[in-house]
PDB file of N, CA and C in Angstrom:
ATOM      1  N   MET A   1       0.789  -1.161  -0.021  1.00  0.00           N
ATOM      2  CA  MET A   1      -0.062  -0.001   0.048  1.00  0.00           C
ATOM      3  C   MET A   1       0.908   1.261  -0.034  1.00  0.00           C
ATOM      4  N   LYS A   2       1.920   1.263   0.840  1.00  0.00           N
ATOM      5  CA  LYS A   2       2.764   2.429   0.844  1.00  0.00           C
ATOM      6  C   LYS A   2       3.432   2.669  -0.396  1.00  0.00           C
ATOM      7  N   VAL A   3       3.865   1.579  -1.107  1.00  0.00           N
ATOM      8  CA  VAL A   3       4.607   1.675  -2.438  1.00  0.00           C
ATOM      9  C   VAL A   3       3.618   2.274  -3.426  1.00  0.00           C
ATOM     10  N   GLU A   4       2.457   1.918  -3.416  1.00  0.00           N
ATOM     11  CA  GLU A   4       1.432   2.489  -4.378  1.00  0.00           C
ATOM     12  C   GLU A   4       1.227   3.938  -4.127  1.00  0.00           C
ATOM     13  N   LYS A   5       1.183   4.403  -2.856  1.00  0.00           N
ATOM     14  CA  LYS A   5       0.962   5.811  -2.557  1.00  0.00           C
ATOM     15  C   LYS A   5       2.252   6.608  -2.966  1.00  0.00           C
ATOM     16  N   GLY A   6       3.363   6.012  -2.647  1.00  0.00           N
ATOM     17  CA  GLY A   6       4.621   6.639  -3.049  1.00  0.00           C
ATOM     18  C   GLY A   6       4.714   6.827  -4.503  1.00  0.00           C
ATOM     19  N   LYS A   7       4.432   5.714  -5.263  1.00  0.00           N
ATOM     20  CA  LYS A   7       4.514   5.812  -6.685  1.00  0.00           C
ATOM     21  C   LYS A   7       3.493   6.768  -7.287  1.00  0.00           C
ATOM     22  N   SER A   8       2.318   6.773  -6.754  1.00  0.00           N
ATOM     23  CA  SER A   8       1.301   7.746  -7.242  1.00  0.00           C
ATOM     24  C   SER A   8       1.737   9.202  -6.959  1.00  0.00           C
ATOM     25  N   MET A   9       2.386   9.454  -5.805  1.00  0.00           N
ATOM     26  CA  MET A   9       2.841  10.780  -5.523  1.00  0.00           C
ATOM     27  C   MET A   9       3.999  11.131  -6.423  1.00  0.00           C
ATOM     28  N   ILE A  10       4.859  10.264  -6.799  1.00  0.00           N
ATOM     29  CA  ILE A  10       5.971  10.572  -7.668  1.00  0.00           C
ATOM     30  C   ILE A  10       5.385  10.865  -9.085  1.00  0.00           C
ATOM     31  N   ASP A  11       4.335  10.039  -9.506  1.00  0.00           N
ATOM     32  CA  ASP A  11       3.698  10.292 -10.834  1.00  0.00           C
ATOM     33  C   ASP A  11       3.034  11.637 -10.847  1.00  0.00           C
ATOM     34  N   PHE A  12       2.341  11.976  -9.804  1.00  0.00           N
ATOM     35  CA  PHE A  12       1.790  13.243  -9.631  1.00  0.00           C
ATOM     36  C   PHE A  12       2.789  14.410  -9.731  1.00  0.00           C
ATOM     37  N   LEU A  13       3.845  14.269  -9.032  1.00  0.00           N
ATOM     38  CA  LEU A  13       4.843  15.353  -9.068  1.00  0.00           C
ATOM     39  C   LEU A  13       5.491  15.502 -10.489  1.00  0.00           C
ATOM     40  N   GLU A  14       5.733  14.394 -11.094  1.00  0.00           N
ATOM     41  CA  GLU A  14       6.322  14.309 -12.399  1.00  0.00           C
ATOM     42  C   GLU A  14       5.341  15.039 -13.385  1.00  0.00           C
ATOM     43  N   SER A  15       4.050  14.795 -13.231  1.00  0.00           N
ATOM     44  CA  SER A  15       3.078  15.377 -14.215  1.00  0.00           C
ATOM     45  C   SER A  15       3.035  16.850 -13.942  1.00  0.00           C
ATOM     46  N   ILE A  16       3.140  17.303 -12.685  1.00  0.00           N
ATOM     47  CA  ILE A  16       3.193  18.684 -12.382  1.00  0.00           C
ATOM     48  C   ILE A  16       4.413  19.403 -13.111  1.00  0.00           C
ATOM     49  N   ASP A  17       5.544  18.614 -12.975  1.00  0.00           N
ATOM     50  CA  ASP A  17       6.768  19.172 -13.616  1.00  0.00           C
ATOM     51  C   ASP A  17       6.695  19.292 -15.070  1.00  0.00           C
ATOM     52  N   ARG A  18       5.992  18.407 -15.731  1.00  0.00           N
ATOM     53  CA  ARG A  18       5.785  18.458 -17.189  1.00  0.00           C
ATOM     54  C   ARG A  18       4.832  19.583 -17.502  1.00  0.00           C
ATOM     55  N   MET A  19       4.013  19.967 -16.743  1.00  0.00           N
ATOM     56  CA  MET A  19       3.068  21.124 -16.989  1.00  0.00           C
ATOM     57  C   MET A  19       3.761  22.457 -16.927  1.00  0.00           C
ATOM     58  N   LYS A  20       5.051  22.465 -16.476  1.00  0.00           N
ATOM     59  CA  LYS A  20       5.832  23.719 -16.393  1.00  0.00           C
ATOM     60  C   LYS A  20       5.308  24.666 -15.389  1.00  0.00           C
ATOM     61  N   TYR A  21       4.720  24.270 -14.327  1.00  0.00           N
ATOM     62  CA  TYR A  21       4.403  25.116 -13.166  1.00  0.00           C
ATOM     63  C   TYR A  21       5.710  25.428 -12.411  1.00  0.00           C
ATOM     64  N   PHE A  22       5.645  26.336 -11.439  1.00  0.00           N
ATOM     65  CA  PHE A  22       6.796  26.636 -10.640  1.00  0.00           C
ATOM     66  C   PHE A  22       8.018  27.171 -11.517  1.00  0.00           C
ATOM     67  N   THR A  23       7.675  28.149 -12.296  1.00  0.00           N
ATOM     68  CA  THR A  23       8.723  28.653 -13.215  1.00  0.00           C
ATOM     69  C   THR A  23       9.251  30.040 -12.763  1.00  0.00           C
ATOM     70  N   LYS A  24       8.615  30.671 -11.848  1.00  0.00           N
ATOM     71  CA  LYS A  24       8.954  32.070 -11.382  1.00  0.00           C
ATOM     72  C   LYS A  24      10.201  32.022 -10.523  1.00  0.00           C
ATOM     73  N   LEU A  25      10.409  30.964  -9.796  1.00  0.00           N
ATOM     74  CA  LEU A  25      11.505  30.902  -8.886  1.00  0.00           C
ATOM     75  C   LEU A  25      12.485  29.786  -9.239  1.00  0.00           C
ATOM     76  N   SER A  26      13.739  30.009  -9.030  1.00  0.00           N
ATOM     77  CA  SER A  26      14.782  28.957  -9.321  1.00  0.00           C
ATOM     78  C   SER A  26      15.746  28.895  -8.201  1.00  0.00           C
ATOM     79  N   PRO A  27      16.258  27.690  -7.876  1.00  0.00           N
ATOM     80  CA  PRO A  27      17.175  27.476  -6.753  1.00  0.00           C
ATOM     81  C   PRO A  27      18.446  28.218  -6.992  1.00  0.00           C
ATOM     82  N   ASP A  28      19.016  28.826  -5.956  1.00  0.00           N
ATOM     83  CA  ASP A  28      20.334  29.547  -6.067  1.00  0.00           C
ATOM     84  C   ASP A  28      21.432  28.506  -5.878  1.00  0.00           C
ATOM     85  N   ILE A  29      22.035  28.101  -6.990  1.00  0.00           N
ATOM     86  CA  ILE A  29      23.012  26.968  -6.849  1.00  0.00           C
ATOM     87  C   ILE A  29      24.347  27.515  -6.270  1.00  0.00           C
ATOM     88  N   LYS A  30      24.551  28.771  -6.239  1.00  0.00           N
ATOM     89  CA  LYS A  30      25.774  29.361  -5.661  1.00  0.00           C
ATOM     90  C   LYS A  30      25.803  29.294  -4.155  1.00  0.00           C
ATOM     91  N   ASP A  31      24.673  29.538  -3.458  1.00  0.00           N
ATOM     92  CA  ASP A  31      24.658  29.472  -2.111  1.00  0.00           C
ATOM     93  C   ASP A  31      23.941  28.130  -1.608  1.00  0.00           C
ATOM     94  N   ASN A  32      24.450  27.704  -0.441  1.00  0.00           N
ATOM     95  CA  ASN A  32      23.984  26.408   0.078  1.00  0.00           C
ATOM     96  C   ASN A  32      22.932  26.801   1.244  1.00  0.00           C
ATOM     97  N   ASP A  33      22.184  27.868   1.204  1.00  0.00           N
ATOM     98  CA  ASP A  33      21.313  28.244   2.183  1.00  0.00           C
ATOM     99  C   ASP A  33      19.788  28.015   1.867  1.00  0.00           C
ATOM    100  N   ASN A  34      19.575  27.219   0.845  1.00  0.00           N
ATOM    101  CA  ASN A  34      18.253  26.959   0.382  1.00  0.00           C
ATOM    102  C   ASN A  34      17.466  28.215  -0.156  1.00  0.00           C
ATOM    103  N   SER A  35      18.284  29.269  -0.515  1.00  0.00           N
ATOM    104  CA  SER A  35      17.651  30.450  -1.079  1.00  0.00           C
ATOM    105  C   SER A  35      17.243  30.223  -2.510  1.00  0.00           C
ATOM    106  N   ILE A  36      16.326  31.021  -2.947  1.00  0.00           N
ATOM    107  CA  ILE A  36      15.794  30.930  -4.348  1.00  0.00           C
ATOM    108  C   ILE A  36      16.001  32.313  -5.059  1.00  0.00           C
ATOM    109  N   ASN A  37      16.055  32.192  -6.359  1.00  0.00           N
ATOM    110  CA  ASN A  37      16.170  33.491  -7.105  1.00  0.00           C
ATOM    111  C   ASN A  37      14.838  33.757  -7.918  1.00  0.00           C
ATOM    112  N   MET A  38      14.595  34.960  -8.122  1.00  0.00           N
ATOM    113  CA  MET A  38      13.443  35.441  -8.883  1.00  0.00           C
ATOM    114  C   MET A  38      13.827  36.455  -9.890  1.00  0.00           C
ATOM    115  N   MET A  39      13.475  36.409 -11.091  1.00  0.00           N
ATOM    116  CA  MET A  39      13.879  37.464 -12.098  1.00  0.00           C
ATOM    117  C   MET A  39      12.929  38.576 -12.067  1.00  0.00           C
ATOM    118  N   LEU A  40      13.400  39.816 -12.100  1.00  0.00           N
ATOM    119  CA  LEU A  40      12.564  40.982 -12.166  1.00  0.00           C
ATOM    120  C   LEU A  40      13.024  41.699 -13.451  1.00  0.00           C
ATOM    121  N   LYS A  41      12.050  41.902 -14.316  1.00  0.00           N
ATOM    122  CA  LYS A  41      12.338  42.539 -15.611  1.00  0.00           C
ATOM    123  C   LYS A  41      12.129  43.999 -15.629  1.00  0.00           C
ATOM    124  N   VAL A  42      13.132  44.795 -15.904  1.00  0.00           N
ATOM    125  CA  VAL A  42      12.987  46.233 -15.962  1.00  0.00           C
ATOM    126  C   VAL A  42      13.628  46.517 -17.282  1.00  0.00           C
ATOM    127  N   HIS A  43      13.229  47.766 -17.876  1.00  0.00           N
ATOM    128  CA  HIS A  43      13.609  48.162 -19.181  1.00  0.00           C
ATOM    129  C   HIS A  43      14.823  48.994 -19.148  1.00  0.00           C
ATOM    130  N   SER A  44      15.201  49.590 -18.021  1.00  0.00           N
ATOM    131  CA  SER A  44      16.488  50.406 -17.974  1.00  0.00           C
ATOM    132  C   SER A  44      16.939  50.631 -16.528  1.00  0.00           C
ATOM    133  N   TYR A  45      18.030  51.177 -16.424  1.00  0.00           N
ATOM    134  CA  TYR A  45      18.561  51.560 -15.042  1.00  0.00           C
ATOM    135  C   TYR A  45      17.696  52.657 -14.457  1.00  0.00           C
ATOM    136  N   THR A  46      17.070  53.503 -15.265  1.00  0.00           N
ATOM    137  CA  THR A  46      16.209  54.496 -14.758  1.00  0.00           C
ATOM    138  C   THR A  46      14.963  53.900 -14.121  1.00  0.00           C
ATOM    139  N   GLU A  47      14.416  52.911 -14.721  1.00  0.00           N
ATOM    140  CA  GLU A  47      13.196  52.177 -14.239  1.00  0.00           C
ATOM    141  C   GLU A  47      13.642  51.436 -12.943  1.00  0.00           C
ATOM    142  N   LEU A  48      14.855  50.804 -12.997  1.00  0.00           N
ATOM    143  CA  LEU A  48      15.320  50.114 -11.776  1.00  0.00           C
ATOM    144  C   LEU A  48      15.417  51.104 -10.591  1.00  0.00           C
ATOM    145  N   ASN A  49      15.997  52.336 -10.937  1.00  0.00           N
ATOM    146  CA  ASN A  49      16.103  53.287  -9.845  1.00  0.00           C
ATOM    147  C   ASN A  49      14.779  53.715  -9.279  1.00  0.00           C
ATOM    148  N   LEU A  50      13.849  53.938 -10.206  1.00  0.00           N
ATOM    149  CA  LEU A  50      12.469  54.318  -9.787  1.00  0.00           C
ATOM    150  C   LEU A  50      11.793  53.299  -8.926  1.00  0.00           C
ATOM    151  N   THR A  51      12.067  52.041  -9.298  1.00  0.00           N
ATOM    152  CA  THR A  51      11.493  50.940  -8.456  1.00  0.00           C
ATOM    153  C   THR A  51      12.011  50.947  -7.109  1.00  0.00           C
ATOM    154  N   ILE A  52      13.360  51.108  -7.088  1.00  0.00           N
ATOM    155  CA  ILE A  52      14.036  51.124  -5.742  1.00  0.00           C
ATOM    156  C   ILE A  52      13.591  52.240  -4.910  1.00  0.00           C
ATOM    157  N   SER A  53      13.456  53.377  -5.523  1.00  0.00           N
ATOM    158  CA  SER A  53      12.964  54.656  -4.902  1.00  0.00           C
ATOM    159  C   SER A  53      11.592  54.443  -4.375  1.00  0.00           C
ATOM    160  N   SER A  54      10.686  53.900  -5.148  1.00  0.00           N
ATOM    161  CA  SER A  54       9.319  53.607  -4.756  1.00  0.00           C
ATOM    162  C   SER A  54       9.278  52.722  -3.460  1.00  0.00           C
ATOM    163  N   LEU A  55      10.057  51.649  -3.499  1.00  0.00           N
ATOM    164  CA  LEU A  55      10.188  50.749  -2.306  1.00  0.00           C
ATOM    165  C   LEU A  55      10.614  51.492  -1.047  1.00  0.00           C
ATOM    166  N   LEU A  56      11.623  52.324  -1.219  1.00  0.00           N
ATOM    167  CA  LEU A  56      12.055  53.126  -0.070  1.00  0.00           C
ATOM    168  C   LEU A  56      11.064  54.140   0.435  1.00  0.00           C
ATOM    169  N   LYS A  57      10.348  54.829  -0.535  1.00  0.00           N
ATOM    170  CA  LYS A  57       9.310  55.742  -0.155  1.00  0.00           C
ATOM    171  C   LYS A  57       8.191  55.096   0.543  1.00  0.00           C
ATOM    172  N   ALA A  58       7.820  53.899   0.054  1.00  0.00           N
ATOM    173  CA  ALA A  58       6.646  53.166   0.633  1.00  0.00           C
ATOM    174  C   ALA A  58       7.054  52.774   2.102  1.00  0.00           C
ATOM    175  N   SER A  59       8.302  52.352   2.220  1.00  0.00           N
ATOM    176  CA  SER A  59       8.758  51.939   3.566  1.00  0.00           C
ATOM    177  C   SER A  59       8.619  53.122   4.541  1.00  0.00           C
ATOM    178  N   ILE A  60       9.162  54.299   4.036  1.00  0.00           N
ATOM    179  CA  ILE A  60       9.169  55.503   4.895  1.00  0.00           C
ATOM    180  C   ILE A  60       7.745  55.865   5.366  1.00  0.00           C
ATOM    181  N   ASN A  61       6.806  55.819   4.343  1.00  0.00           N
ATOM    182  CA  ASN A  61       5.358  56.115   4.609  1.00  0.00           C
ATOM    183  C   ASN A  61       4.796  55.149   5.621  1.00  0.00           C
ATOM    184  N   ILE A  62       5.111  53.947   5.489  1.00  0.00           N
ATOM    185  CA  ILE A  62       4.571  52.985   6.499  1.00  0.00           C
ATOM    186  C   ILE A  62       5.184  53.280   7.808  1.00  0.00           C
ATOM    187  N   MET A  63       6.449  53.599   7.895  1.00  0.00           N
ATOM    188  CA  MET A  63       7.094  53.778   9.218  1.00  0.00           C
ATOM    189  C   MET A  63       6.541  55.008   9.847  1.00  0.00           C
ATOM    190  N   LYS A  64       6.116  56.005   9.017  1.00  0.00           N
ATOM    191  CA  LYS A  64       5.476  57.197   9.635  1.00  0.00           C
ATOM    192  C   LYS A  64       4.146  56.887  10.256  1.00  0.00           C
ATOM    193  N   ASP A  65       3.362  55.974   9.712  1.00  0.00           N
ATOM    194  CA  ASP A  65       2.054  55.744  10.204  1.00  0.00           C
ATOM    195  C   ASP A  65       2.141  54.834  11.480  1.00  0.00           C
ATOM    196  N   ASP A  66       2.484  53.619  11.360  1.00  0.00           N
ATOM    197  CA  ASP A  66       2.581  52.776  12.486  1.00  0.00           C
ATOM    198  C   ASP A  66       3.654  51.659  12.295  1.00  0.00           C
ATOM    199  N   PHE A  67       4.806  51.947  12.627  1.00  0.00           N
ATOM    200  CA  PHE A  67       5.949  51.032  12.353  1.00  0.00           C
ATOM    201  C   PHE A  67       5.735  49.653  13.032  1.00  0.00           C
ATOM    202  N   LYS A  68       5.398  49.721  14.305  1.00  0.00           N
ATOM    203  CA  LYS A  68       5.214  48.472  14.983  1.00  0.00           C
ATOM    204  C   LYS A  68       4.261  47.430  14.365  1.00  0.00           C
ATOM    205  N   LYS A  69       3.226  48.032  13.936  1.00  0.00           N
ATOM    206  CA  LYS A  69       2.143  47.290  13.338  1.00  0.00           C
ATOM    207  C   LYS A  69       2.552  46.698  11.971  1.00  0.00           C
ATOM    208  N   ASN A  70       3.422  47.357  11.254  1.00  0.00           N
ATOM    209  CA  ASN A  70       3.776  46.933   9.852  1.00  0.00           C
ATOM    210  C   ASN A  70       5.361  46.683   9.794  1.00  0.00           C
ATOM    211  N   GLU A  71       5.863  46.278  10.871  1.00  0.00           N
ATOM    212  CA  GLU A  71       7.425  46.049  10.986  1.00  0.00           C
ATOM    213  C   GLU A  71       7.911  45.030   9.895  1.00  0.00           C
ATOM    214  N   ILE A  72       7.130  43.975   9.743  1.00  0.00           N
ATOM    215  CA  ILE A  72       7.618  42.920   8.792  1.00  0.00           C
ATOM    216  C   ILE A  72       7.502  43.399   7.371  1.00  0.00           C
ATOM    217  N   GLU A  73       6.468  44.119   7.126  1.00  0.00           N
ATOM    218  CA  GLU A  73       6.283  44.639   5.721  1.00  0.00           C
ATOM    219  C   GLU A  73       7.383  45.602   5.313  1.00  0.00           C
ATOM    220  N   VAL A  74       7.769  46.484   6.316  1.00  0.00           N
ATOM    221  CA  VAL A  74       8.850  47.447   6.025  1.00  0.00           C
ATOM    222  C   VAL A  74      10.201  46.643   5.873  1.00  0.00           C
ATOM    223  N   MET A  75      10.409  45.711   6.703  1.00  0.00           N
ATOM    224  CA  MET A  75      11.588  44.972   6.555  1.00  0.00           C
ATOM    225  C   MET A  75      11.700  44.248   5.194  1.00  0.00           C
ATOM    226  N   LEU A  76      10.605  43.654   4.714  1.00  0.00           N
ATOM    227  CA  LEU A  76      10.680  43.019   3.396  1.00  0.00           C
ATOM    228  C   LEU A  76      10.870  43.995   2.347  1.00  0.00           C
ATOM    229  N   LEU A  77      10.220  45.109   2.376  1.00  0.00           N
ATOM    230  CA  LEU A  77      10.479  46.174   1.304  1.00  0.00           C
ATOM    231  C   LEU A  77      11.847  46.647   1.296  1.00  0.00           C
ATOM    232  N   LEU A  78      12.465  46.868   2.439  1.00  0.00           N
ATOM    233  CA  LEU A  78      13.820  47.367   2.562  1.00  0.00           C
ATOM    234  C   LEU A  78      14.781  46.362   1.962  1.00  0.00           C
ATOM    235  N   GLU A  79      14.512  45.096   2.458  1.00  0.00           N
ATOM    236  CA  GLU A  79      15.374  43.967   1.942  1.00  0.00           C
ATOM    237  C   GLU A  79      15.396  43.876   0.387  1.00  0.00           C
ATOM    238  N   MET A  80      14.131  43.970  -0.170  1.00  0.00           N
ATOM    239  CA  MET A  80      13.957  43.925  -1.661  1.00  0.00           C
ATOM    240  C   MET A  80      14.731  45.112  -2.288  1.00  0.00           C
ATOM    241  N   ALA A  81      14.624  46.307  -1.705  1.00  0.00           N
ATOM    242  CA  ALA A  81      15.269  47.449  -2.212  1.00  0.00           C
ATOM    243  C   ALA A  81      16.809  47.246  -2.226  1.00  0.00           C
ATOM    244  N   LEU A  82      17.249  46.721  -1.149  1.00  0.00           N
ATOM    245  CA  LEU A  82      18.736  46.400  -1.008  1.00  0.00           C
ATOM    246  C   LEU A  82      19.210  45.507  -2.057  1.00  0.00           C
ATOM    247  N   GLN A  83      18.474  44.421  -2.319  1.00  0.00           N
ATOM    248  CA  GLN A  83      18.842  43.418  -3.297  1.00  0.00           C
ATOM    249  C   GLN A  83      18.815  43.995  -4.698  1.00  0.00           C
ATOM    250  N   LEU A  84      17.931  44.915  -4.937  1.00  0.00           N
ATOM    251  CA  LEU A  84      17.840  45.577  -6.310  1.00  0.00           C
ATOM    252  C   LEU A  84      18.949  46.545  -6.695  1.00  0.00           C
ATOM    253  N   LEU A  85      19.629  47.064  -5.649  1.00  0.00           N
ATOM    254  CA  LEU A  85      20.636  48.068  -5.954  1.00  0.00           C
ATOM    255  C   LEU A  85      21.776  47.492  -6.893  1.00  0.00           C
ATOM    256  N   PRO A  86      22.049  48.200  -7.968  1.00  0.00           N
ATOM    257  CA  PRO A  86      23.075  47.733  -8.886  1.00  0.00           C
ATOM    258  C   PRO A  86      24.514  47.975  -8.367  1.00  0.00           C
ATOM    259  N   THR A  87      25.009  47.157  -7.484  1.00  0.00           N
ATOM    260  CA  THR A  87      26.243  47.436  -6.815  1.00  0.00           C
ATOM    261  C   THR A  87      27.445  47.401  -7.839  1.00  0.00           C
ATOM    262  N   ASP A  88      27.453  46.397  -8.701  1.00  0.00           N
ATOM    263  CA  ASP A  88      28.505  46.295  -9.698  1.00  0.00           C
ATOM    264  C   ASP A  88      28.595  47.404 -10.559  1.00  0.00           C
ATOM    265  N   GLU A  89      27.374  47.921 -11.043  1.00  0.00           N
ATOM    266  CA  GLU A  89      27.363  49.075 -11.927  1.00  0.00           C
ATOM    267  C   GLU A  89      27.802  50.317 -11.214  1.00  0.00           C
ATOM    268  N   MET A  90      27.594  50.433  -9.931  1.00  0.00           N
ATOM    269  CA  MET A  90      27.992  51.647  -9.188  1.00  0.00           C
ATOM    270  C   MET A  90      29.570  51.626  -9.125  1.00  0.00           C
ATOM    271  N   GLU A  91      30.164  50.475  -8.937  1.00  0.00           N
ATOM    272  CA  GLU A  91      31.612  50.348  -9.027  1.00  0.00           C
ATOM    273  C   GLU A  91      32.160  50.805 -10.345  1.00  0.00           C
ATOM    274  N   LEU A  92      31.508  50.368 -11.397  1.00  0.00           N
ATOM    275  CA  LEU A  92      31.871  50.777 -12.762  1.00  0.00           C
ATOM    276  C   LEU A  92      31.765  52.324 -12.905  1.00  0.00           C
ATOM    277  N   LEU A  93      30.660  52.924 -12.404  1.00  0.00           N
ATOM    278  CA  LEU A  93      30.535  54.385 -12.533  1.00  0.00           C
ATOM    279  C   LEU A  93      31.603  55.104 -11.719  1.00  0.00           C
ATOM    280  N   ASP A  94      32.017  54.527 -10.566  1.00  0.00           N
ATOM    281  CA  ASP A  94      33.223  55.075  -9.814  1.00  0.00           C
ATOM    282  C   ASP A  94      34.424  55.142 -10.612  1.00  0.00           C
ATOM    283  N   GLN A  95      34.709  53.953 -11.339  1.00  0.00           N
ATOM    284  CA  GLN A  95      35.861  53.872 -12.189  1.00  0.00           C
ATOM    285  C   GLN A  95      35.904  54.878 -13.329  1.00  0.00           C
ATOM    286  N   ILE A  96      34.721  54.975 -13.919  1.00  0.00           N
ATOM    287  CA  ILE A  96      34.470  55.952 -15.039  1.00  0.00           C
ATOM    288  C   ILE A  96      34.698  57.344 -14.478  1.00  0.00           C
ATOM    289  N   PHE A  97      34.054  57.623 -13.418  1.00  0.00           N
ATOM    290  CA  PHE A  97      34.303  59.033 -12.851  1.00  0.00           C
ATOM    291  C   PHE A  97      35.703  59.271 -12.466  1.00  0.00           C
ATOM    292  N   GLY A  98      36.414  58.325 -11.879  1.00  0.00           N
ATOM    293  CA  GLY A  98      37.830  58.573 -11.621  1.00  0.00           C
ATOM    294  C   GLY A  98      38.712  58.745 -12.822  1.00  0.00           C
ATOM    295  N   THR A  99      38.343  58.102 -13.901  1.00  0.00           N
ATOM    296  CA  THR A  99      39.096  58.195 -15.234  1.00  0.00           C
ATOM    297  C   THR A  99      38.831  59.568 -15.780  1.00  0.00           C
ATOM    298  N   ILE A 100      37.564  59.999 -15.744  1.00  0.00           N
ATOM    299  CA  ILE A 100      37.212  61.257 -16.299  1.00  0.00           C
ATOM    300  C   ILE A 100      37.849  62.431 -15.452  1.00  0.00           C
ATOM    301  N   SER A 101      37.898  62.255 -14.111  1.00  0.00           N
ATOM    302  CA  SER A 101      38.518  63.252 -13.290  1.00  0.00           C
ATOM    303  C   SER A 101      40.071  63.339 -13.703  1.00  0.00           C
ATOM    304  N   GLU A 102      40.729  62.259 -13.889  1.00  0.00           N
ATOM    305  CA  GLU A 102      42.093  62.292 -14.334  1.00  0.00           C
ATOM    306  C   GLU A 102      42.277  63.025 -15.597  1.00  0.00           C
ATOM    307  N   ILE A 103      41.350  62.687 -16.595  1.00  0.00           N
ATOM    308  CA  ILE A 103      41.549  63.307 -17.869  1.00  0.00           C
ATOM    309  C   ILE A 103      41.327  64.861 -17.755  1.00  0.00           C
ATOM    310  N   ARG A 104      40.408  65.277 -16.877  1.00  0.00           N
ATOM    311  CA  ARG A 104      40.097  66.726 -16.652  1.00  0.00           C
ATOM    312  C   ARG A 104      41.400  67.377 -16.055  1.00  0.00           C
ATOM    313  N   LYS A 105      42.010  66.615 -15.052  1.00  0.00           N
ATOM    314  CA  LYS A 105      43.207  67.199 -14.471  1.00  0.00           C
ATOM    315  C   LYS A 105      44.300  67.481 -15.412  1.00  0.00           C
ATOM    316  N   THR A 106      44.524  66.427 -16.297  1.00  0.00           N
ATOM    317  CA  THR A 106      45.623  66.549 -17.207  1.00  0.00           C
ATOM    318  C   THR A 106      45.343  67.555 -18.373  1.00  0.00           C
ATOM    319  N   SER A 107      44.026  67.756 -18.706  1.00  0.00           N
ATOM    320  CA  SER A 107      43.686  68.704 -19.701  1.00  0.00           C
ATOM    321  C   SER A 107      43.759  70.145 -19.144  1.00  0.00           C
ATOM    322  N   ASN A 108      43.529  70.266 -17.824  1.00  0.00           N
ATOM    323  CA  ASN A 108      43.644  71.600 -17.197  1.00  0.00           C
ATOM    324  C   ASN A 108      45.016  72.004 -16.975  1.00  0.00           C
ATOM    325  N   GLU A 109      46.000  70.993 -16.840  1.00  0.00           N
ATOM    326  CA  GLU A 109      47.321  71.273 -16.631  1.00  0.00           C
ATOM    327  C   GLU A 109      48.007  71.787 -17.902  1.00  0.00           C
ATOM    328  N   ASP A 110      47.453  71.363 -19.065  1.00  0.00           N
ATOM    329  CA  ASP A 110      47.983  71.751 -20.316  1.00  0.00           C
ATOM    330  C   ASP A 110      47.837  73.114 -20.668  1.00  0.00           C
TER     331      ASP A 110
END
């Protein structure tokens, strides 16, 4: 009896897998902490910046009203905003800014 239930459960799960459900989230193979990844599609860095800004503004507004009542929601919004920050791109902008500053210095010395 247990074998039949186990087999039918496996068949059921395999049929669900074939239907291509559960496609929004994918396991994070780099970390061993059972975390999952989700793709967020934006059209530009400007849109990404506006999204992060909206998350931060919503968090601030919630904290103004009743932070204790909405503590978890604020924490989730802030965590999401933190994950959306384009850290690598900011490092690239710092490098570009440094290079441009050097070019300006040398052109002003001439």
